[in-house]
């Protein structure tokens, strides 16, 4: 994700030196591979931390407020020490169930998102409809807070480590810090609209167990989102 982010900035004539990357990884082997991968490409990885206690119990970047967050957290993780974190300050929209970390991850990302920041991450598809142990109430609170920007419904077999279908979530915080009159906030997507993209019929099989999106599939999804954003922003 870090490598692709820098490639994206380069392709869009941005300045690589303006980017600072932060991350944490509980698996030491994965962390070492990531550090090596970034070193090969000349990307500063000094803030990519190995954290064997995990993001919930020992947040390696407690004060970080990021402009962009990308993540692929474990799906439906039941072993996340939720019983030890019932009063954690990150649960601003509801306490997540101890048996599933999906809504803990969402609120962890939001906690670290700067005003005006955007987050994109992958969750199991069931997170869109689950009502277990208050998850439905948390989801409602996120919608009512105008934090959910777009949901992409993905097909099954898209990931190597699981066959279950997933969904992409895109969250966005409004930057209200410089507004003297909130009635002048002309962001109707914040108040009324969430874009849902059904991508379940996109992709092609590269073997019996694995599906892959083509560049054209990705461009179609991206164009759908950007066309919606452009229409909304100009309305």
Protein backbone atom coordinates (compact mmCIF):
# COMPACT_ATOMS: atom_id res chain seq x y z
CA UNK A 1 0.00 0.00 0.00
CA UNK A 2 2.85 2.42 0.79
CA UNK A 3 4.63 1.62 -2.49
CA UNK A 4 1.45 1.98 -4.53
CA UNK A 5 0.63 5.26 -2.78
CA UNK A 6 3.96 6.77 -3.77
CA UNK A 7 3.52 5.46 -7.31
CA UNK A 8 0.08 7.11 -7.41
CA UNK A 9 1.53 10.45 -6.30
CA UNK A 10 4.26 10.24 -8.94
CA UNK A 11 1.77 9.40 -11.70
CA UNK A 12 -0.28 12.47 -10.74
CA UNK A 13 2.74 14.81 -10.72
CA UNK A 14 2.78 15.12 -6.94
CA UNK A 15 5.85 15.57 -4.76
CA UNK A 16 7.12 12.44 -3.05
CA UNK A 17 8.96 14.49 -0.42
CA UNK A 18 5.61 15.80 0.84
CA UNK A 19 4.62 12.31 1.99
CA UNK A 20 5.33 10.83 5.43
CA UNK A 21 4.21 7.26 6.04
CA UNK A 22 3.19 5.66 9.34
CA UNK A 23 2.18 2.10 10.10
CA UNK A 24 2.31 -0.76 12.58
CA UNK A 25 2.43 -4.52 12.15
CA UNK A 26 2.07 -7.26 14.78
CA UNK A 27 3.66 -10.05 12.70
CA UNK A 28 7.43 -9.58 12.82
CA UNK A 29 8.07 -11.51 9.59
CA UNK A 30 5.55 -9.37 7.71
CA UNK A 31 7.07 -6.24 9.26
CA UNK A 32 10.58 -7.22 8.16
CA UNK A 33 9.40 -7.92 4.62
CA UNK A 34 7.66 -4.54 4.52
CA UNK A 35 10.76 -2.72 5.78
CA UNK A 36 12.91 -4.47 3.18
CA UNK A 37 10.44 -3.73 0.40
CA UNK A 38 10.37 -0.04 1.32
CA UNK A 39 14.17 0.12 1.63
CA UNK A 40 14.59 -1.28 -1.89
CA UNK A 41 12.44 1.58 -3.17
CA UNK A 42 14.09 4.30 -1.14
CA UNK A 43 10.99 4.98 0.97
CA UNK A 44 11.52 6.15 4.55
CA UNK A 45 10.09 3.45 6.82
CA UNK A 46 11.28 4.82 10.17
CA UNK A 47 7.66 5.25 11.33
CA UNK A 48 6.56 1.76 10.27
CA UNK A 49 6.68 0.00 13.63
CA UNK A 50 6.69 -3.61 14.75
CA UNK A 51 4.08 -3.82 17.50
CA UNK A 52 3.59 -7.36 18.74
CA UNK A 53 0.86 -6.26 21.16
CA UNK A 54 -1.31 -5.03 18.30
CA UNK A 55 -2.91 -1.70 17.43
CA UNK A 56 -5.70 -1.94 20.00
CA UNK A 57 -3.69 -2.77 23.12
CA UNK A 58 -0.60 -0.68 22.35
CA UNK A 59 -1.15 1.92 19.65
CA UNK A 60 2.29 2.77 18.23
CA UNK A 61 1.09 6.16 16.93
CA UNK A 62 -1.24 7.40 19.66
CA UNK A 63 -1.15 11.07 18.61
CA UNK A 64 -1.16 10.59 14.85
CA UNK A 65 -3.83 12.37 12.81
CA UNK A 66 -3.41 11.21 9.22
CA UNK A 67 -4.62 12.82 6.01
CA UNK A 68 -5.02 9.42 4.35
CA UNK A 69 -5.49 5.97 5.86
CA UNK A 70 -5.25 2.70 3.92
CA UNK A 71 -5.80 -0.63 5.67
CA UNK A 72 -6.59 -4.30 5.18
CA UNK A 73 -7.38 -5.43 8.74
CA UNK A 74 -8.13 -9.07 9.69
CA UNK A 75 -11.71 -10.07 8.81
CA UNK A 76 -14.06 -10.80 11.73
CA UNK A 77 -11.20 -11.04 14.25
CA UNK A 78 -12.54 -12.53 17.50
CA UNK A 79 -9.21 -12.50 19.38
CA UNK A 80 -8.58 -8.77 19.69
CA UNK A 81 -8.72 -8.34 23.50
CA UNK A 82 -11.96 -6.40 23.28
CA UNK A 83 -12.88 -7.37 26.84
CA UNK A 84 -9.92 -5.29 28.08
CA UNK A 85 -10.91 -2.20 26.12
CA UNK A 86 -14.55 -1.59 26.98
CA UNK A 87 -13.90 2.01 28.03
CA UNK A 88 -11.35 2.92 25.36
CA UNK A 89 -11.56 6.51 24.12
CA UNK A 90 -11.59 5.43 20.49
CA UNK A 91 -15.15 4.10 20.71
CA UNK A 92 -16.86 7.41 19.95
CA UNK A 93 -19.75 5.82 18.04
CA UNK A 94 -20.41 2.79 20.22
CA UNK A 95 -18.53 0.02 22.03
CA UNK A 96 -17.67 -2.79 19.55
CA UNK A 97 -18.49 -6.39 20.47
CA UNK A 98 -15.73 -8.42 22.09
CA UNK A 99 -16.24 -11.22 19.57
CA UNK A 100 -15.62 -9.22 16.39
CA UNK A 101 -13.13 -6.40 15.77
CA UNK A 102 -14.64 -5.02 12.55
CA UNK A 103 -16.21 -1.97 14.17
CA UNK A 104 -13.23 -1.53 16.46
CA UNK A 105 -11.05 -1.19 13.35
CA UNK A 106 -13.41 1.35 11.82
CA UNK A 107 -13.32 3.52 14.92
CA UNK A 108 -9.56 3.08 15.32
CA UNK A 109 -9.13 4.48 11.80
CA UNK A 110 -11.53 7.35 12.45
CA UNK A 111 -9.71 8.21 15.67
CA UNK A 112 -6.51 8.72 13.66
CA UNK A 113 -8.13 10.60 10.77
CA UNK A 114 -7.37 14.33 10.53
CA UNK A 115 -10.09 16.92 9.77
CA UNK A 116 -10.60 16.75 6.01
CA UNK A 117 -8.91 13.34 5.94
CA UNK A 118 -9.99 10.25 4.00
CA UNK A 119 -9.81 6.56 4.88
CA UNK A 120 -10.16 3.52 2.64
CA UNK A 121 -10.13 -0.04 3.96
CA UNK A 122 -11.37 -3.58 3.35
CA UNK A 123 -13.87 -5.36 5.58
CA UNK A 124 -15.80 -8.62 5.35
CA UNK A 125 -19.08 -8.07 3.54
CA UNK A 126 -21.03 -9.07 6.64
CA UNK A 127 -19.96 -5.82 8.31
CA UNK A 128 -22.43 -3.99 6.07
CA UNK A 129 -25.47 -5.69 7.61
CA UNK A 130 -24.44 -7.21 10.96
CA UNK A 131 -26.45 -6.21 14.02
CA UNK A 132 -24.60 -8.42 16.51
CA UNK A 133 -23.92 -6.85 19.94
CA UNK A 134 -24.67 -3.31 18.86
CA UNK A 135 -22.88 -3.30 15.51
CA UNK A 136 -26.03 -2.03 13.78
CA UNK A 137 -26.23 0.90 16.20
CA UNK A 138 -22.59 1.81 15.56
CA UNK A 139 -23.17 1.66 11.81
CA UNK A 140 -26.21 3.93 12.19
CA UNK A 141 -24.15 6.39 14.23
CA UNK A 142 -21.47 6.48 11.52
CA UNK A 143 -24.07 7.22 8.86
CA UNK A 144 -25.78 9.88 10.95
CA UNK A 145 -22.39 11.51 11.59
CA UNK A 146 -21.96 11.82 7.80
CA UNK A 147 -18.71 9.88 7.85
CA UNK A 148 -19.45 7.19 5.24
CA UNK A 149 -18.64 8.43 1.74
CA UNK A 150 -18.75 5.30 -0.43
CA UNK A 151 -19.15 1.51 -0.19
CA UNK A 152 -17.94 -0.86 -2.92
CA UNK A 153 -19.48 -4.34 -2.88
CA UNK A 154 -16.80 -6.80 -4.06
CA UNK A 155 -17.06 -10.32 -5.50
CA UNK A 156 -15.88 -13.46 -3.74
CA UNK A 157 -12.47 -15.05 -4.42
CA UNK A 158 -10.72 -11.69 -4.70
CA UNK A 159 -8.28 -12.34 -1.84
CA UNK A 160 -5.73 -15.12 -1.59
CA UNK A 161 -6.30 -15.81 2.11
CA UNK A 162 -10.11 -16.03 2.09
CA UNK A 163 -12.91 -17.00 -0.27
CA UNK A 164 -15.58 -14.83 1.36
CA UNK A 165 -16.74 -11.64 -0.36
CA UNK A 166 -15.54 -8.34 1.00
CA UNK A 167 -16.43 -4.68 0.78
CA UNK A 168 -14.44 -1.48 0.46
CA UNK A 169 -15.31 1.35 2.83
CA UNK A 170 -14.38 4.97 2.15
CA UNK A 171 -14.79 7.40 5.03
CA UNK A 172 -14.27 11.15 4.97
CA UNK A 173 -14.14 13.80 7.67
CA UNK A 174 -15.35 17.31 6.88
CA UNK A 175 -12.90 20.06 7.76
CA UNK A 176 -14.99 22.49 9.78
CA UNK A 177 -12.11 24.29 11.47
CA UNK A 178 -12.24 27.41 9.33
CA UNK A 179 -15.99 27.76 8.90
CA UNK A 180 -17.66 30.63 10.73
CA UNK A 181 -21.14 29.76 9.52
CA UNK A 182 -21.91 26.06 9.14
CA UNK A 183 -24.94 26.93 7.02
CA UNK A 184 -22.48 27.85 4.26
CA UNK A 185 -21.11 24.31 4.12
CA UNK A 186 -21.93 23.27 0.56
CA UNK A 187 -21.20 19.58 0.82
CA UNK A 188 -24.54 17.83 0.21
CA UNK A 189 -22.77 14.47 0.03
CA UNK A 190 -22.00 14.97 3.71
CA UNK A 191 -25.65 15.35 4.59
CA UNK A 192 -27.68 13.16 2.31
CA UNK A 193 -25.75 10.82 0.04
CA UNK A 194 -23.66 7.66 0.29
CA UNK A 195 -22.49 6.09 -2.95
CA UNK A 196 -22.89 2.30 -3.25
CA UNK A 197 -21.00 0.65 -6.11
CA UNK A 198 -21.93 -2.93 -7.00
CA UNK A 199 -18.76 -4.53 -8.39
CA UNK A 200 -19.78 -8.14 -7.78
CA UNK A 201 -19.92 -8.95 -11.49
CA UNK A 202 -16.54 -7.45 -12.34
CA UNK A 203 -13.25 -9.33 -12.47
CA UNK A 204 -12.06 -12.51 -14.16
CA UNK A 205 -10.84 -15.85 -12.83
CA UNK A 206 -7.10 -16.47 -13.04
CA UNK A 207 -7.64 -19.95 -11.56
CA UNK A 208 -10.53 -21.83 -9.95
CA UNK A 209 -10.02 -20.15 -6.58
CA UNK A 210 -8.85 -16.64 -7.40
CA UNK A 211 -10.52 -13.68 -9.09
CA UNK A 212 -8.67 -10.62 -10.33
CA UNK A 213 -9.73 -7.13 -11.38
CA UNK A 214 -8.36 -5.87 -14.68
CA UNK A 215 -7.08 -2.33 -15.09
CA UNK A 216 -10.34 -1.58 -16.90
CA UNK A 217 -12.40 -2.88 -13.96
CA UNK A 218 -10.47 -0.68 -11.53
CA UNK A 219 -10.80 2.33 -13.85
CA UNK A 220 -14.56 1.77 -14.09
CA UNK A 221 -14.98 1.72 -10.31
CA UNK A 222 -12.74 4.77 -9.86
CA UNK A 223 -14.52 6.70 -12.62
CA UNK A 224 -17.92 5.93 -11.09
CA UNK A 225 -16.78 7.36 -7.77
CA UNK A 226 -15.06 10.43 -9.23
CA UNK A 227 -18.01 11.24 -11.50
CA UNK A 228 -20.29 11.11 -8.47
CA UNK A 229 -17.93 13.25 -6.42
CA UNK A 230 -17.62 15.83 -9.19
CA UNK A 231 -21.38 16.04 -9.62
CA UNK A 232 -21.92 16.45 -5.89
CA UNK A 233 -19.16 19.01 -5.39
CA UNK A 234 -20.50 21.19 -8.21
CA UNK A 235 -24.14 21.03 -7.14
